[in-house]
Amino acid sequence: MRLSVPKDARSEGKLVVIERAKGLAAYTLQITKNTAIFDPAQNEGFIDEIRRLAIEIFSMAWTANNIYVRTQRDAEERARLQTSARINCNKLLPMIELAGKVFHLKTKRLKYWGAWVVEVRTRLQQWQDADRKRYANMDNR
């Protein structure tokens, strides 16, 4: 017999961060392809940097998740990738703010986009904190 859990009582999977980071990257790519707003002729390098940061956040989170932790070195590499992804979130936030000024983006869009980055950064930190506790007593190999 299978029991179902009401939707509002379900907990999120521990690694929703991967899906949210992927969504952030896709959203960033989607909105920055609008050449009526993001004119690549004038700001190609700036737009490319925004895209690169969003893609790297997802890529680093995905890669960290795919490290099977058997040794302390594995745990350290996973933590390094999580930290790098969080740092890229910190770099992306002022880029979004600057994009708002340069490209005259609506406040609503900036708040939505920025909140997404903050959510991913927070989830990355929570994941890293959980890993730190999980692997605290691991052999140093």
N, C-alpha and C. Protein backbone atom coordinates (compact mmCIF):
# COMPACT_ATOMS: atom_id res chain seq x y z
N MET A 1 0.83 -1.18 0.00
CA MET A 1 0.00 0.00 0.00
C MET A 1 0.88 1.24 0.00
N ARG A 2 0.59 2.16 -0.85
CA ARG A 2 1.38 3.38 -0.99
C ARG A 2 0.62 4.55 -0.37
N LEU A 3 1.28 5.23 0.54
CA LEU A 3 0.68 6.40 1.17
C LEU A 3 1.23 7.65 0.52
N SER A 4 0.36 8.57 0.23
CA SER A 4 0.84 9.81 -0.36
C SER A 4 0.91 10.89 0.71
N VAL A 5 1.83 11.80 0.51
CA VAL A 5 2.03 12.91 1.43
C VAL A 5 1.38 14.14 0.79
N PRO A 6 0.55 14.85 1.55
CA PRO A 6 -0.05 16.06 0.98
C PRO A 6 1.02 17.01 0.46
N LYS A 7 0.73 17.69 -0.63
CA LYS A 7 1.72 18.54 -1.28
C LYS A 7 2.33 19.57 -0.32
N ASP A 8 1.51 20.19 0.52
CA ASP A 8 2.03 21.20 1.43
C ASP A 8 2.83 20.62 2.59
N ALA A 9 2.80 19.32 2.77
CA ALA A 9 3.57 18.67 3.84
C ALA A 9 4.86 18.05 3.33
N ARG A 10 5.06 18.07 2.03
CA ARG A 10 6.27 17.48 1.45
C ARG A 10 7.46 18.40 1.70
N SER A 11 8.61 17.77 1.97
CA SER A 11 9.82 18.57 2.11
C SER A 11 10.54 18.60 0.77
N GLU A 12 11.29 19.67 0.58
CA GLU A 12 12.05 19.78 -0.65
C GLU A 12 13.23 18.82 -0.58
N GLY A 13 13.66 18.34 -1.74
CA GLY A 13 14.85 17.52 -1.78
C GLY A 13 16.04 18.34 -1.31
N LYS A 14 17.02 17.66 -0.78
CA LYS A 14 18.18 18.36 -0.24
C LYS A 14 18.93 19.15 -1.29
N LEU A 15 18.90 18.69 -2.53
CA LEU A 15 19.71 19.37 -3.54
C LEU A 15 18.86 20.11 -4.57
N VAL A 16 17.86 20.78 -4.08
CA VAL A 16 17.08 21.67 -4.93
C VAL A 16 18.00 22.74 -5.51
N VAL A 17 19.11 23.00 -4.81
CA VAL A 17 20.06 24.02 -5.25
C VAL A 17 20.54 23.76 -6.68
N ILE A 18 20.70 22.52 -7.07
CA ILE A 18 21.16 22.21 -8.43
C ILE A 18 20.12 22.67 -9.44
N GLU A 19 18.87 22.35 -9.17
CA GLU A 19 17.78 22.76 -10.08
C GLU A 19 17.62 24.28 -10.10
N ARG A 20 17.74 24.91 -8.94
CA ARG A 20 17.60 26.37 -8.87
C ARG A 20 18.77 27.05 -9.59
N ALA A 21 19.97 26.50 -9.47
CA ALA A 21 21.14 27.06 -10.17
C ALA A 21 20.98 26.89 -11.68
N LYS A 22 20.45 25.75 -12.09
CA LYS A 22 20.19 25.53 -13.53
C LYS A 22 19.15 26.52 -14.03
N GLY A 23 18.11 26.71 -13.24
CA GLY A 23 17.08 27.68 -13.62
C GLY A 23 17.62 29.09 -13.71
N LEU A 24 18.49 29.46 -12.77
CA LEU A 24 19.12 30.78 -12.80
C LEU A 24 19.94 30.97 -14.07
N ALA A 25 20.72 29.96 -14.42
CA ALA A 25 21.53 30.05 -15.64
C ALA A 25 20.64 30.18 -16.87
N ALA A 26 19.59 29.37 -16.95
CA ALA A 26 18.68 29.42 -18.10
C ALA A 26 17.98 30.77 -18.17
N TYR A 27 17.51 31.27 -17.04
CA TYR A 27 16.83 32.57 -17.00
C TYR A 27 17.79 33.68 -17.46
N THR A 28 19.01 33.64 -16.95
CA THR A 28 20.00 34.65 -17.32
C THR A 28 20.28 34.62 -18.82
N LEU A 29 20.45 33.42 -19.38
CA LEU A 29 20.68 33.29 -20.82
C LEU A 29 19.46 33.80 -21.61
N GLN A 30 18.30 33.46 -21.13
CA GLN A 30 17.06 33.85 -21.81
C GLN A 30 16.90 35.37 -21.86
N ILE A 31 17.05 36.03 -20.71
CA ILE A 31 16.79 37.47 -20.72
C ILE A 31 17.90 38.26 -21.40
N THR A 32 19.14 37.77 -21.33
CA THR A 32 20.23 38.52 -21.94
C THR A 32 20.30 38.33 -23.45
N LYS A 33 19.50 37.43 -24.00
CA LYS A 33 19.49 37.28 -25.46
C LYS A 33 18.57 38.30 -26.13
N ASN A 34 17.81 39.05 -25.34
CA ASN A 34 16.92 40.08 -25.86
C ASN A 34 17.78 41.27 -26.30
N THR A 35 18.10 41.32 -27.58
CA THR A 35 18.99 42.36 -28.10
C THR A 35 18.36 43.75 -28.10
N ALA A 36 17.04 43.82 -27.94
CA ALA A 36 16.40 45.12 -27.83
C ALA A 36 16.77 45.79 -26.51
N ILE A 37 17.06 44.98 -25.49
CA ILE A 37 17.46 45.51 -24.18
C ILE A 37 18.96 45.40 -23.99
N PHE A 38 19.50 44.22 -24.22
CA PHE A 38 20.93 43.96 -24.02
C PHE A 38 21.63 44.03 -25.37
N ASP A 39 22.04 45.23 -25.75
CA ASP A 39 22.67 45.46 -27.05
C ASP A 39 24.09 44.91 -27.05
N PRO A 40 24.31 43.77 -27.74
CA PRO A 40 25.65 43.17 -27.72
C PRO A 40 26.69 44.02 -28.43
N ALA A 41 26.28 44.87 -29.35
CA ALA A 41 27.25 45.70 -30.07
C ALA A 41 27.94 46.69 -29.12
N GLN A 42 27.23 47.11 -28.09
CA GLN A 42 27.79 48.09 -27.16
C GLN A 42 28.38 47.46 -25.90
N ASN A 43 27.85 46.33 -25.48
CA ASN A 43 28.22 45.78 -24.19
C ASN A 43 28.47 44.28 -24.22
N GLU A 44 29.06 43.78 -25.29
CA GLU A 44 29.23 42.34 -25.45
C GLU A 44 30.00 41.69 -24.30
N GLY A 45 31.11 42.28 -23.90
CA GLY A 45 31.93 41.70 -22.83
C GLY A 45 31.20 41.66 -21.51
N PHE A 46 30.46 42.71 -21.22
CA PHE A 46 29.70 42.79 -19.97
C PHE A 46 28.61 41.72 -19.95
N ILE A 47 27.88 41.59 -21.02
CA ILE A 47 26.82 40.58 -21.12
C ILE A 47 27.41 39.18 -21.04
N ASP A 48 28.52 38.95 -21.73
CA ASP A 48 29.18 37.64 -21.68
C ASP A 48 29.61 37.28 -20.26
N GLU A 49 30.06 38.27 -19.49
CA GLU A 49 30.48 38.02 -18.11
C GLU A 49 29.30 37.62 -17.24
N ILE A 50 28.18 38.28 -17.42
CA ILE A 50 26.96 37.92 -16.67
C ILE A 50 26.57 36.48 -16.99
N ARG A 51 26.58 36.15 -18.26
CA ARG A 51 26.23 34.78 -18.69
C ARG A 51 27.22 33.77 -18.12
N ARG A 52 28.50 34.08 -18.20
CA ARG A 52 29.55 33.16 -17.74
C ARG A 52 29.38 32.86 -16.25
N LEU A 53 29.14 33.90 -15.47
CA LEU A 53 28.98 33.71 -14.03
C LEU A 53 27.79 32.81 -13.73
N ALA A 54 26.65 33.05 -14.37
CA ALA A 54 25.45 32.24 -14.13
C ALA A 54 25.68 30.78 -14.52
N ILE A 55 26.34 30.57 -15.66
CA ILE A 55 26.62 29.21 -16.11
C ILE A 55 27.60 28.52 -15.16
N GLU A 56 28.61 29.24 -14.71
CA GLU A 56 29.59 28.64 -13.80
C GLU A 56 28.98 28.28 -12.45
N ILE A 57 28.04 29.08 -11.97
CA ILE A 57 27.36 28.75 -10.71
C ILE A 57 26.71 27.38 -10.85
N PHE A 58 25.96 27.19 -11.93
CA PHE A 58 25.31 25.89 -12.16
C PHE A 58 26.34 24.79 -12.35
N SER A 59 27.34 25.03 -13.18
CA SER A 59 28.34 24.01 -13.49
C SER A 59 29.11 23.56 -12.24
N MET A 60 29.48 24.51 -11.41
CA MET A 60 30.23 24.16 -10.19
C MET A 60 29.35 23.40 -9.20
N ALA A 61 28.10 23.83 -9.05
CA ALA A 61 27.18 23.12 -8.15
C ALA A 61 26.94 21.70 -8.66
N TRP A 62 26.73 21.56 -9.95
CA TRP A 62 26.49 20.24 -10.56
C TRP A 62 27.71 19.34 -10.37
N THR A 63 28.88 19.90 -10.62
CA THR A 63 30.12 19.12 -10.48
C THR A 63 30.34 18.71 -9.02
N ALA A 64 30.11 19.64 -8.09
CA ALA A 64 30.27 19.31 -6.67
C ALA A 64 29.32 18.18 -6.28
N ASN A 65 28.12 18.23 -6.77
CA ASN A 65 27.14 17.19 -6.45
C ASN A 65 27.55 15.83 -7.01
N ASN A 66 28.32 15.82 -8.07
CA ASN A 66 28.72 14.58 -8.70
C ASN A 66 30.05 14.03 -8.19
N ILE A 67 30.58 14.63 -7.14
CA ILE A 67 31.77 14.08 -6.49
C ILE A 67 31.30 13.08 -5.45
N TYR A 68 31.68 11.86 -5.64
CA TYR A 68 31.37 10.82 -4.66
C TYR A 68 32.43 10.91 -3.57
N VAL A 69 32.04 11.32 -2.39
CA VAL A 69 32.99 11.59 -1.32
C VAL A 69 33.36 10.30 -0.60
N ARG A 70 34.62 9.90 -0.81
CA ARG A 70 35.17 8.72 -0.15
C ARG A 70 36.35 9.09 0.74
N THR A 71 36.98 10.21 0.42
CA THR A 71 38.17 10.63 1.16
C THR A 71 38.03 12.10 1.56
N GLN A 72 38.92 12.51 2.42
CA GLN A 72 38.95 13.92 2.83
C GLN A 72 39.23 14.82 1.62
N ARG A 73 40.06 14.36 0.71
CA ARG A 73 40.34 15.15 -0.50
C ARG A 73 39.09 15.36 -1.33
N ASP A 74 38.27 14.31 -1.44
CA ASP A 74 36.99 14.43 -2.16
C ASP A 74 36.12 15.50 -1.49
N ALA A 75 36.03 15.44 -0.17
CA ALA A 75 35.22 16.41 0.58
C ALA A 75 35.75 17.83 0.39
N GLU A 76 37.07 17.98 0.38
CA GLU A 76 37.68 19.29 0.18
C GLU A 76 37.42 19.83 -1.22
N GLU A 77 37.49 18.97 -2.23
CA GLU A 77 37.21 19.41 -3.60
C GLU A 77 35.75 19.82 -3.75
N ARG A 78 34.88 19.05 -3.16
CA ARG A 78 33.45 19.39 -3.19
C ARG A 78 33.21 20.74 -2.51
N ALA A 79 33.83 20.95 -1.36
CA ALA A 79 33.69 22.22 -0.64
C ALA A 79 34.28 23.38 -1.45
N ARG A 80 35.39 23.14 -2.13
CA ARG A 80 36.00 24.18 -2.95
C ARG A 80 35.05 24.62 -4.06
N LEU A 81 34.40 23.66 -4.71
CA LEU A 81 33.45 23.98 -5.78
C LEU A 81 32.22 24.71 -5.24
N GLN A 82 31.74 24.28 -4.08
CA GLN A 82 30.61 24.97 -3.46
C GLN A 82 30.97 26.42 -3.14
N THR A 83 32.16 26.62 -2.59
CA THR A 83 32.62 27.97 -2.26
C THR A 83 32.77 28.82 -3.52
N SER A 84 33.34 28.25 -4.56
CA SER A 84 33.50 28.98 -5.82
C SER A 84 32.16 29.38 -6.41
N ALA A 85 31.19 28.50 -6.33
CA ALA A 85 29.86 28.82 -6.83
C ALA A 85 29.26 29.97 -6.03
N ARG A 86 29.43 29.95 -4.69
CA ARG A 86 28.93 31.04 -3.85
C ARG A 86 29.63 32.35 -4.17
N ILE A 87 30.93 32.30 -4.39
CA ILE A 87 31.68 33.51 -4.74
C ILE A 87 31.15 34.07 -6.06
N ASN A 88 30.85 33.19 -7.01
CA ASN A 88 30.30 33.66 -8.29
C ASN A 88 28.92 34.29 -8.10
N CYS A 89 28.14 33.80 -7.14
CA CYS A 89 26.86 34.45 -6.82
C CYS A 89 27.14 35.87 -6.34
N ASN A 90 28.15 36.01 -5.47
CA ASN A 90 28.50 37.35 -4.98
C ASN A 90 28.98 38.26 -6.10
N LYS A 91 29.64 37.72 -7.09
CA LYS A 91 30.09 38.51 -8.24
C LYS A 91 28.93 38.87 -9.16
N LEU A 92 27.98 37.95 -9.29
CA LEU A 92 26.84 38.17 -10.19
C LEU A 92 25.91 39.26 -9.68
N LEU A 93 25.71 39.34 -8.38
CA LEU A 93 24.76 40.32 -7.83
C LEU A 93 25.08 41.77 -8.24
N PRO A 94 26.31 42.26 -8.09
CA PRO A 94 26.56 43.64 -8.52
C PRO A 94 26.49 43.80 -10.04
N MET A 95 26.77 42.72 -10.77
CA MET A 95 26.65 42.78 -12.23
C MET A 95 25.18 42.98 -12.63
N ILE A 96 24.30 42.31 -11.92
CA ILE A 96 22.86 42.47 -12.18
C ILE A 96 22.44 43.90 -11.84
N GLU A 97 22.93 44.41 -10.72
CA GLU A 97 22.61 45.78 -10.33
C GLU A 97 23.11 46.77 -11.38
N LEU A 98 24.31 46.56 -11.86
CA LEU A 98 24.86 47.43 -12.89
C LEU A 98 24.09 47.30 -14.20
N ALA A 99 23.71 46.07 -14.54
CA ALA A 99 22.90 45.86 -15.75
C ALA A 99 21.58 46.63 -15.66
N GLY A 100 21.01 46.66 -14.47
CA GLY A 100 19.78 47.42 -14.28
C GLY A 100 19.97 48.88 -14.62
N LYS A 101 21.09 49.43 -14.20
CA LYS A 101 21.39 50.85 -14.47
C LYS A 101 21.70 51.08 -15.96
N VAL A 102 22.56 50.24 -16.51
CA VAL A 102 23.01 50.42 -17.89
C VAL A 102 21.89 50.16 -18.91
N PHE A 103 21.10 49.11 -18.65
CA PHE A 103 20.09 48.70 -19.62
C PHE A 103 18.68 49.13 -19.22
N HIS A 104 18.57 49.92 -18.15
CA HIS A 104 17.28 50.46 -17.70
C HIS A 104 16.25 49.35 -17.48
N LEU A 105 16.67 48.32 -16.72
CA LEU A 105 15.77 47.21 -16.43
C LEU A 105 14.76 47.62 -15.37
N LYS A 106 13.60 47.02 -15.43
CA LYS A 106 12.55 47.30 -14.46
C LYS A 106 12.96 46.78 -13.09
N THR A 107 12.57 47.51 -12.06
CA THR A 107 12.87 47.14 -10.68
C THR A 107 12.35 45.74 -10.37
N LYS A 108 11.18 45.42 -10.86
CA LYS A 108 10.57 44.10 -10.61
C LYS A 108 11.48 42.98 -11.13
N ARG A 109 12.03 43.17 -12.33
CA ARG A 109 12.93 42.17 -12.90
C ARG A 109 14.21 42.06 -12.08
N LEU A 110 14.77 43.19 -11.68
CA LEU A 110 16.00 43.17 -10.90
C LEU A 110 15.80 42.47 -9.56
N LYS A 111 14.68 42.74 -8.90
CA LYS A 111 14.40 42.09 -7.62
C LYS A 111 14.24 40.58 -7.80
N TYR A 112 13.54 40.18 -8.84
CA TYR A 112 13.33 38.75 -9.11
C TYR A 112 14.64 38.05 -9.39
N TRP A 113 15.43 38.61 -10.28
CA TRP A 113 16.72 38.04 -10.68
C TRP A 113 17.68 38.00 -9.50
N GLY A 114 17.77 39.10 -8.78
CA GLY A 114 18.66 39.17 -7.63
C GLY A 114 18.24 38.20 -6.52
N ALA A 115 16.94 38.10 -6.27
CA ALA A 115 16.44 37.18 -5.24
C ALA A 115 16.78 35.74 -5.61
N TRP A 116 16.75 35.43 -6.89
CA TRP A 116 17.09 34.08 -7.35
C TRP A 116 18.56 33.79 -7.02
N VAL A 117 19.42 34.75 -7.29
CA VAL A 117 20.85 34.57 -6.99
C VAL A 117 21.06 34.39 -5.49
N VAL A 118 20.41 35.21 -4.70
CA VAL A 118 20.54 35.12 -3.24
C VAL A 118 20.04 33.76 -2.75
N GLU A 119 18.93 33.28 -3.31
CA GLU A 119 18.42 31.96 -2.92
C GLU A 119 19.44 30.87 -3.22
N VAL A 120 20.02 30.90 -4.41
CA VAL A 120 21.01 29.89 -4.79
C VAL A 120 22.21 29.98 -3.85
N ARG A 121 22.67 31.18 -3.59
CA ARG A 121 23.82 31.36 -2.69
C ARG A 121 23.52 30.81 -1.30
N THR A 122 22.34 31.08 -0.79
CA THR A 122 21.94 30.60 0.53
C THR A 122 21.86 29.08 0.55
N ARG A 123 21.28 28.50 -0.48
CA ARG A 123 21.17 27.04 -0.56
C ARG A 123 22.55 26.39 -0.68
N LEU A 124 23.46 27.02 -1.42
CA LEU A 124 24.82 26.51 -1.51
C LEU A 124 25.49 26.50 -0.14
N GLN A 125 25.29 27.58 0.63
CA GLN A 125 25.87 27.66 1.97
C GLN A 125 25.28 26.59 2.88
N GLN A 126 23.98 26.39 2.82
CA GLN A 126 23.33 25.37 3.64
C GLN A 126 23.84 23.97 3.29
N TRP A 127 24.01 23.73 2.01
CA TRP A 127 24.53 22.44 1.55
C TRP A 127 25.95 22.24 2.05
N GLN A 128 26.76 23.27 1.94
CA GLN A 128 28.15 23.18 2.39
C GLN A 128 28.21 22.97 3.91
N ASP A 129 27.36 23.66 4.65
CA ASP A 129 27.33 23.47 6.10
C ASP A 129 26.95 22.04 6.46
N ALA A 130 25.96 21.49 5.75
CA ALA A 130 25.54 20.11 6.00
C ALA A 130 26.67 19.13 5.67
N ASP A 131 27.37 19.38 4.56
CA ASP A 131 28.51 18.53 4.19
C ASP A 131 29.61 18.60 5.24
N ARG A 132 29.87 19.80 5.74
CA ARG A 132 30.92 19.98 6.74
C ARG A 132 30.64 19.10 7.96
N LYS A 133 29.40 19.09 8.39
CA LYS A 133 29.02 18.24 9.53
C LYS A 133 29.10 16.76 9.16
N ARG A 134 28.64 16.44 7.98
CA ARG A 134 28.60 15.05 7.52
C ARG A 134 29.99 14.44 7.42
N TYR A 135 30.95 15.22 6.92
CA TYR A 135 32.28 14.69 6.66
C TYR A 135 33.30 15.12 7.72
N ALA A 136 32.85 15.64 8.84
CA ALA A 136 33.76 16.14 9.90
C ALA A 136 34.69 15.07 10.45
N ASN A 137 34.21 13.86 10.57
CA ASN A 137 35.01 12.80 11.18
C ASN A 137 35.62 11.84 10.15
N MET A 138 35.76 12.31 8.94
CA MET A 138 36.31 11.46 7.88
C MET A 138 37.81 11.30 8.04
N ASP A 139 38.32 10.13 7.68
CA ASP A 139 39.75 9.89 7.71
C ASP A 139 40.46 10.88 6.81
N ASN A 140 41.64 11.31 7.21
CA ASN A 140 42.45 12.22 6.40
C ASN A 140 43.29 11.41 5.43
N ARG A 141 42.73 11.13 4.27
CA ARG A 141 43.46 10.40 3.24
C ARG A 141 43.66 11.25 2.04
